[in-house]
Amino acid sequence: MLQVWIITFVKYARQNLIKRFVMKLTRTNIAVNPLFVSEVTLLINKIMKTYYIYRFYSDENRNKRLITTFNTLKEAQEYCQREDTHKKGVWFDGYSDKKQ
């Protein structure tokens, strides 16, 4: 039963509807601990963070450009470590968790 509620929570958190989720829980017999909601919200935000891959150029006159996005830090790191994501002395691909 708890697994179903967590899946529901993830669905609502992704849509920024945590308040609705809490209201739905309080209408059931499940006691809602605000600390639990807060901790799970932080965890979901960390897990569901978007990582942006940018191409950075050694030529200062060229602006970086967005290449792609990933949903996990591991995916972003693995992508940036590939051989085809850099050209020595010319450009390299790097990640950020902020859209620039």
N, C-alpha and C. Protein backbone atom coordinates (compact mmCIF):
# COMPACT_ATOMS: atom_id res chain seq x y z
N MET A 1 0.82 -1.21 0.00
CA MET A 1 0.00 0.00 0.00
C MET A 1 0.86 1.27 0.00
N LEU A 2 1.94 1.25 0.82
CA LEU A 2 2.82 2.42 0.89
C LEU A 2 3.47 2.69 -0.46
N GLN A 3 3.82 1.62 -1.17
CA GLN A 3 4.45 1.78 -2.49
C GLN A 3 3.51 2.52 -3.44
N VAL A 4 2.25 2.22 -3.40
CA VAL A 4 1.28 2.90 -4.26
C VAL A 4 1.23 4.39 -3.91
N TRP A 5 1.28 4.71 -2.62
CA TRP A 5 1.25 6.11 -2.20
C TRP A 5 2.51 6.85 -2.63
N ILE A 6 3.67 6.18 -2.55
CA ILE A 6 4.92 6.82 -2.96
C ILE A 6 4.91 7.09 -4.46
N ILE A 7 4.43 6.14 -5.24
CA ILE A 7 4.32 6.34 -6.69
C ILE A 7 3.39 7.51 -6.98
N THR A 8 2.29 7.58 -6.26
CA THR A 8 1.36 8.70 -6.42
C THR A 8 2.04 10.00 -6.05
N PHE A 9 2.82 9.98 -4.95
CA PHE A 9 3.53 11.18 -4.52
C PHE A 9 4.49 11.66 -5.60
N VAL A 10 5.24 10.74 -6.20
CA VAL A 10 6.18 11.11 -7.27
C VAL A 10 5.43 11.77 -8.42
N LYS A 11 4.30 11.20 -8.78
CA LYS A 11 3.50 11.76 -9.87
C LYS A 11 3.09 13.19 -9.55
N TYR A 12 2.56 13.41 -8.35
CA TYR A 12 2.11 14.75 -7.97
C TYR A 12 3.28 15.72 -7.78
N ALA A 13 4.39 15.23 -7.21
CA ALA A 13 5.54 16.10 -6.98
C ALA A 13 6.08 16.61 -8.30
N ARG A 14 6.11 15.77 -9.30
CA ARG A 14 6.64 16.16 -10.60
C ARG A 14 5.79 17.28 -11.19
N GLN A 15 4.55 17.33 -10.87
CA GLN A 15 3.64 18.36 -11.39
C GLN A 15 3.45 19.49 -10.39
N ASN A 16 4.30 19.55 -9.37
CA ASN A 16 4.21 20.58 -8.33
C ASN A 16 2.85 20.61 -7.66
N LEU A 17 2.30 19.44 -7.40
CA LEU A 17 0.99 19.36 -6.76
C LEU A 17 1.08 18.63 -5.41
N ILE A 18 2.14 18.89 -4.68
CA ILE A 18 2.35 18.21 -3.41
C ILE A 18 1.23 18.51 -2.43
N LYS A 19 0.75 19.73 -2.46
CA LYS A 19 -0.34 20.12 -1.56
C LYS A 19 -1.57 19.23 -1.78
N ARG A 20 -1.88 18.98 -3.03
CA ARG A 20 -3.03 18.12 -3.33
C ARG A 20 -2.80 16.71 -2.80
N PHE A 21 -1.58 16.23 -2.94
CA PHE A 21 -1.26 14.90 -2.46
C PHE A 21 -1.47 14.80 -0.95
N VAL A 22 -0.99 15.78 -0.22
CA VAL A 22 -1.13 15.79 1.23
C VAL A 22 -2.60 15.85 1.61
N MET A 23 -3.36 16.67 0.92
CA MET A 23 -4.80 16.74 1.20
C MET A 23 -5.47 15.39 0.95
N LYS A 24 -5.04 14.71 -0.11
CA LYS A 24 -5.60 13.40 -0.43
C LYS A 24 -5.26 12.40 0.67
N LEU A 25 -4.02 12.45 1.16
CA LEU A 25 -3.61 11.55 2.24
C LEU A 25 -4.40 11.81 3.52
N THR A 26 -4.63 13.07 3.84
CA THR A 26 -5.32 13.38 5.09
C THR A 26 -6.78 12.94 5.06
N ARG A 27 -7.32 12.74 3.88
CA ARG A 27 -8.70 12.25 3.78
C ARG A 27 -8.77 10.74 4.01
N THR A 28 -7.60 10.07 4.03
CA THR A 28 -7.56 8.64 4.29
C THR A 28 -7.25 8.43 5.77
N ASN A 29 -7.07 7.19 6.14
CA ASN A 29 -6.74 6.88 7.54
C ASN A 29 -5.24 6.91 7.80
N ILE A 30 -4.44 7.28 6.82
CA ILE A 30 -2.99 7.31 6.99
C ILE A 30 -2.61 8.63 7.64
N ALA A 31 -1.85 8.54 8.73
CA ALA A 31 -1.38 9.76 9.40
C ALA A 31 -0.27 10.38 8.56
N VAL A 32 -0.33 11.68 8.36
CA VAL A 32 0.64 12.38 7.54
C VAL A 32 1.60 13.14 8.45
N ASN A 33 2.85 12.79 8.36
CA ASN A 33 3.90 13.47 9.11
C ASN A 33 4.49 14.54 8.19
N PRO A 34 4.39 15.82 8.54
CA PRO A 34 4.92 16.88 7.67
C PRO A 34 6.41 16.72 7.38
N LEU A 35 7.15 16.18 8.33
CA LEU A 35 8.58 15.95 8.12
C LEU A 35 8.80 14.93 7.01
N PHE A 36 7.96 13.88 6.99
CA PHE A 36 8.04 12.87 5.93
C PHE A 36 7.81 13.51 4.57
N VAL A 37 6.77 14.32 4.47
CA VAL A 37 6.46 14.99 3.21
C VAL A 37 7.62 15.87 2.78
N SER A 38 8.19 16.61 3.71
CA SER A 38 9.30 17.50 3.42
C SER A 38 10.53 16.72 2.94
N GLU A 39 10.86 15.64 3.64
CA GLU A 39 12.03 14.84 3.28
C GLU A 39 11.84 14.18 1.92
N VAL A 40 10.68 13.64 1.68
CA VAL A 40 10.42 12.99 0.39
C VAL A 40 10.43 14.02 -0.74
N THR A 41 9.91 15.21 -0.49
CA THR A 41 9.94 16.27 -1.49
C THR A 41 11.37 16.62 -1.86
N LEU A 42 12.24 16.78 -0.87
CA LEU A 42 13.65 17.08 -1.14
C LEU A 42 14.31 15.96 -1.92
N LEU A 43 14.03 14.72 -1.54
CA LEU A 43 14.60 13.58 -2.22
C LEU A 43 14.15 13.51 -3.68
N ILE A 44 12.88 13.72 -3.91
CA ILE A 44 12.36 13.67 -5.28
C ILE A 44 12.95 14.80 -6.11
N ASN A 45 13.04 15.99 -5.55
CA ASN A 45 13.64 17.10 -6.29
C ASN A 45 15.08 16.80 -6.65
N LYS A 46 15.80 16.14 -5.75
CA LYS A 46 17.19 15.78 -6.02
C LYS A 46 17.25 14.72 -7.12
N ILE A 47 16.40 13.72 -7.01
CA ILE A 47 16.39 12.64 -7.99
C ILE A 47 15.93 13.13 -9.35
N MET A 48 14.94 14.01 -9.38
CA MET A 48 14.33 14.42 -10.63
C MET A 48 14.94 15.69 -11.20
N LYS A 49 16.09 16.07 -10.72
CA LYS A 49 16.76 17.26 -11.22
C LYS A 49 17.15 17.06 -12.68
N THR A 50 17.11 18.10 -13.44
CA THR A 50 17.54 18.05 -14.84
C THR A 50 18.96 18.57 -14.93
N TYR A 51 19.78 17.85 -15.66
CA TYR A 51 21.16 18.25 -15.90
C TYR A 51 21.32 18.66 -17.35
N TYR A 52 21.90 19.82 -17.57
CA TYR A 52 22.05 20.39 -18.90
C TYR A 52 23.49 20.18 -19.36
N ILE A 53 23.65 19.68 -20.57
CA ILE A 53 24.98 19.49 -21.15
C ILE A 53 25.25 20.65 -22.09
N TYR A 54 26.34 21.37 -21.81
CA TYR A 54 26.73 22.51 -22.63
C TYR A 54 28.06 22.22 -23.31
N ARG A 55 28.24 22.77 -24.49
CA ARG A 55 29.54 22.72 -25.17
C ARG A 55 30.24 24.04 -24.89
N PHE A 56 31.38 23.93 -24.25
CA PHE A 56 32.21 25.08 -23.92
C PHE A 56 33.37 25.15 -24.91
N TYR A 57 33.67 26.35 -25.37
CA TYR A 57 34.73 26.54 -26.36
C TYR A 57 35.90 27.27 -25.73
N SER A 58 37.13 26.93 -26.18
CA SER A 58 38.32 27.63 -25.67
C SER A 58 38.38 29.05 -26.23
N ASP A 59 37.77 29.27 -27.38
CA ASP A 59 37.69 30.62 -27.97
C ASP A 59 36.68 31.43 -27.16
N GLU A 60 37.15 32.43 -26.46
CA GLU A 60 36.30 33.23 -25.57
C GLU A 60 35.21 33.99 -26.32
N ASN A 61 35.36 34.17 -27.63
CA ASN A 61 34.36 34.88 -28.41
C ASN A 61 33.16 34.00 -28.78
N ARG A 62 33.30 32.70 -28.58
CA ARG A 62 32.18 31.79 -28.86
C ARG A 62 31.42 31.50 -27.58
N ASN A 63 30.12 31.65 -27.65
CA ASN A 63 29.27 31.33 -26.50
C ASN A 63 29.07 29.83 -26.39
N LYS A 64 28.89 29.38 -25.16
CA LYS A 64 28.56 27.96 -24.98
C LYS A 64 27.19 27.70 -25.57
N ARG A 65 26.93 26.44 -25.91
CA ARG A 65 25.60 26.10 -26.44
C ARG A 65 25.09 24.83 -25.80
N LEU A 66 23.77 24.77 -25.64
CA LEU A 66 23.12 23.62 -25.04
C LEU A 66 23.15 22.46 -26.03
N ILE A 67 23.63 21.31 -25.58
CA ILE A 67 23.72 20.12 -26.42
C ILE A 67 22.54 19.19 -26.18
N THR A 68 22.32 18.83 -24.91
CA THR A 68 21.26 17.89 -24.56
C THR A 68 20.96 18.00 -23.07
N THR A 69 20.02 17.22 -22.58
CA THR A 69 19.71 17.18 -21.15
C THR A 69 19.61 15.73 -20.69
N PHE A 70 19.83 15.53 -19.39
CA PHE A 70 19.68 14.21 -18.76
C PHE A 70 18.95 14.40 -17.44
N ASN A 71 18.32 13.33 -16.97
CA ASN A 71 17.55 13.39 -15.73
C ASN A 71 18.35 13.00 -14.49
N THR A 72 19.53 12.41 -14.68
CA THR A 72 20.33 12.02 -13.51
C THR A 72 21.76 12.53 -13.64
N LEU A 73 22.38 12.72 -12.49
CA LEU A 73 23.76 13.15 -12.46
C LEU A 73 24.66 12.09 -13.09
N LYS A 74 24.37 10.84 -12.81
CA LYS A 74 25.18 9.74 -13.35
C LYS A 74 25.17 9.76 -14.88
N GLU A 75 24.01 9.95 -15.48
CA GLU A 75 23.92 10.01 -16.95
C GLU A 75 24.73 11.18 -17.49
N ALA A 76 24.63 12.32 -16.85
CA ALA A 76 25.36 13.51 -17.30
C ALA A 76 26.87 13.28 -17.21
N GLN A 77 27.30 12.70 -16.10
CA GLN A 77 28.73 12.43 -15.92
C GLN A 77 29.24 11.42 -16.93
N GLU A 78 28.47 10.36 -17.15
CA GLU A 78 28.88 9.35 -18.13
C GLU A 78 28.97 9.94 -19.53
N TYR A 79 28.02 10.78 -19.87
CA TYR A 79 28.05 11.42 -21.19
C TYR A 79 29.31 12.26 -21.36
N CYS A 80 29.62 13.07 -20.36
CA CYS A 80 30.75 13.99 -20.46
C CYS A 80 32.10 13.29 -20.45
N GLN A 81 32.14 12.03 -20.03
CA GLN A 81 33.40 11.29 -20.01
C GLN A 81 33.66 10.53 -21.31
N ARG A 82 32.70 10.56 -22.21
CA ARG A 82 32.90 9.87 -23.50
C ARG A 82 33.98 10.57 -24.32
N GLU A 83 34.61 9.80 -25.20
CA GLU A 83 35.68 10.34 -26.05
C GLU A 83 35.17 11.37 -27.06
N ASP A 84 33.93 11.23 -27.48
CA ASP A 84 33.41 12.14 -28.51
C ASP A 84 32.81 13.42 -27.93
N THR A 85 33.07 13.70 -26.65
CA THR A 85 32.51 14.91 -26.04
C THR A 85 33.57 15.97 -25.77
N HIS A 86 34.68 15.87 -26.47
CA HIS A 86 35.71 16.90 -26.35
C HIS A 86 36.66 16.83 -27.55
N LYS A 87 37.24 17.96 -27.85
CA LYS A 87 38.30 18.06 -28.85
C LYS A 87 39.39 18.90 -28.19
N LYS A 88 40.48 18.25 -27.86
CA LYS A 88 41.53 18.86 -27.04
C LYS A 88 41.92 20.25 -27.54
N GLY A 89 41.83 21.21 -26.63
CA GLY A 89 42.23 22.58 -26.93
C GLY A 89 41.20 23.38 -27.72
N VAL A 90 40.09 22.76 -28.13
CA VAL A 90 39.08 23.46 -28.94
C VAL A 90 37.76 23.59 -28.19
N TRP A 91 37.22 22.46 -27.72
CA TRP A 91 35.95 22.48 -27.00
C TRP A 91 35.83 21.24 -26.12
N PHE A 92 34.88 21.31 -25.17
CA PHE A 92 34.53 20.14 -24.36
C PHE A 92 33.08 20.30 -23.91
N ASP A 93 32.44 19.16 -23.63
CA ASP A 93 31.08 19.16 -23.12
C ASP A 93 31.12 19.02 -21.61
N GLY A 94 30.37 19.88 -20.91
CA GLY A 94 30.29 19.84 -19.47
C GLY A 94 28.83 19.94 -19.04
N TYR A 95 28.55 19.61 -17.79
CA TYR A 95 27.15 19.62 -17.32
C TYR A 95 26.96 20.65 -16.21
N SER A 96 25.69 21.05 -16.07
CA SER A 96 25.29 21.95 -15.02
C SER A 96 23.85 21.59 -14.63
N ASP A 97 23.50 21.85 -13.38
CA ASP A 97 22.11 21.62 -12.98
C ASP A 97 21.27 22.89 -13.10
N LYS A 98 21.86 23.91 -13.68
CA LYS A 98 21.14 25.16 -13.90
C LYS A 98 21.08 25.47 -15.39
N LYS A 99 19.90 25.87 -15.84
CA LYS A 99 19.76 26.25 -17.24
C LYS A 99 20.33 27.67 -17.40
N GLN A 100 21.23 27.82 -18.35
CA GLN A 100 21.90 29.12 -18.53
C GLN A 100 21.63 29.69 -19.89
